[in-house]
Amino acid sequence: MSVTHYSTLDTRQSPPDTYRSQPSAKVRLLELRNTYKWGGGPDKTILLSAERHNRSRVEVVVAYIRDIRDRDFRIGDKARAKGLTFYEIEECGKLDLRVLRYLKEIVLRHNINLIHSHDYKSDLFAFILRHELKERCLPVISTLHGWALLGIRGYVYWLLDIFLLRRFNHVIAVSDAGKEEMVRSGIRPGLISVIRNGIDTEAWSRRQVCRSARDALGLGNAFPVIGYVGRLSPEKDLETWLRSAALVVHRFPNARFIIVGEGRDNILLKGLKQLSRNLGIADKVHFLGYREDLPAIYATLDMFFLSSITEGICNSLLEAMAMEVPIVATDAGGTKELMVKGETGYVVRPGDIEAMAEALINLSSDKKLSDQMGRAGRTHVENRFSFTARLHQIEGLYERVLEETGNRHGRFSVLPVN
């Protein structure tokens, strides 16, 4: 695969000159996303999909809208490394309509005939872009990775997203639970397809790890080593995570806990560190921030612990299972759809500190069971969550949406909203 284009677009400047490529694929796709720093599971999926799509079926342009103040944004580094056609659009403020100038330019430049958005803000831009370029009759689809929107502002964003998604040509849910939530919110079932996340099981394999990070982290003979990988955000309920960890320490004084990931700012991280001090376990908790060496981190863990109160599909959970790490996770969103309860790990109620701690202690007390669950998790991911199989599904969906909307060659009619 050759490097085709990379650009950072600043909304304070004029758009670049237009040129038109001559794509040969039926689907000329714009992947549109708004996130921060290193992103999360959806961003791994977007970039790996763009890298691995069958070029005879789908040609991909990836565009990220990001806050101009986000100096830690690094997704572009990954896109460059993969040789993707990638645009990074800097946004000034919560809703910078100048971003639309650049998105229009990208659509024309690459003769885009399908837009795939991935969050409420990119949903909004995709919706407006379809209207602004109505002569091109662009179908728009979205993947709902999960509504992690809390408080009054979150409720308003949720209402906006529901309004938009009901008017999209198609919506992808990453779990049955996600589809059920959308249907309850007023999106008609025929508009929704369930396509679960998948991962590259060759990359996420203990065979690819020369050594774990145990020595580098100074863990010595610590046991059990329990970890979390993902965003530091309220819906992950990491306060409950730490309170459960404190109970585990009563039974296993040599236990150590690893939290990998970053938040939008440091406020939550500061609160978690203070809580670990208040609980008397600050010397046992390692806050590692963002890490590139995740396979080595997973290879260090005796258990993966997910305490979320809401989820879409947690990529980190799939990664941990692929790395043969047994799971303790809460029954949130699509989590139980990823697991075989009692075989690949334990599923407990969100917010139930005692049940979480009990599950962690049970796994720590039974090495045979822990090893068995780890192996079962690997087999389950290989059989059910292949990234290649997911890619075939989504390519078929793209082609079907174009056929159904009559836009194979650039025309379509908007599907009615019930």
Foldseek 3Di string as FASTA:
>chain_A
DAQDAEEEAELVDAADDADADDQQALAEEEEEEEDAADDWDVLVLVLVLQLDFDSNHYHYAYEYEYEPPRPRHDSSVVNVVSSHNYYYYYAHDDQRPSVLNHVLRVCRRYVHQEYEYEALNRLVSVQVNCVVVVVLAHAYEYEDFWQPADDPVSVVSVVSSLVSRLQGQAYEAQAPLRLVVSVVSQRDSVRYDHQHAFDALVVLEPVPDPAACCVVVVLPPAPAEEEEATELDVQQVCLLVLLLVLVLCVVGVRYAYEYEEYYPDCPSVVVNLVSCVVSVNNVRYHYDYHDPPVSSHLLNHQAYETQGQAGREHVVVLSSLSHLHAYEYEPHHRDVVLDDDPQLAHYHHHPPSVVSSVRVNVSRVDVVSSNRNSPVSSVSSVVPRHNVVSSVVVSVVSVVSCVQQVCSPRGGDGDDRD
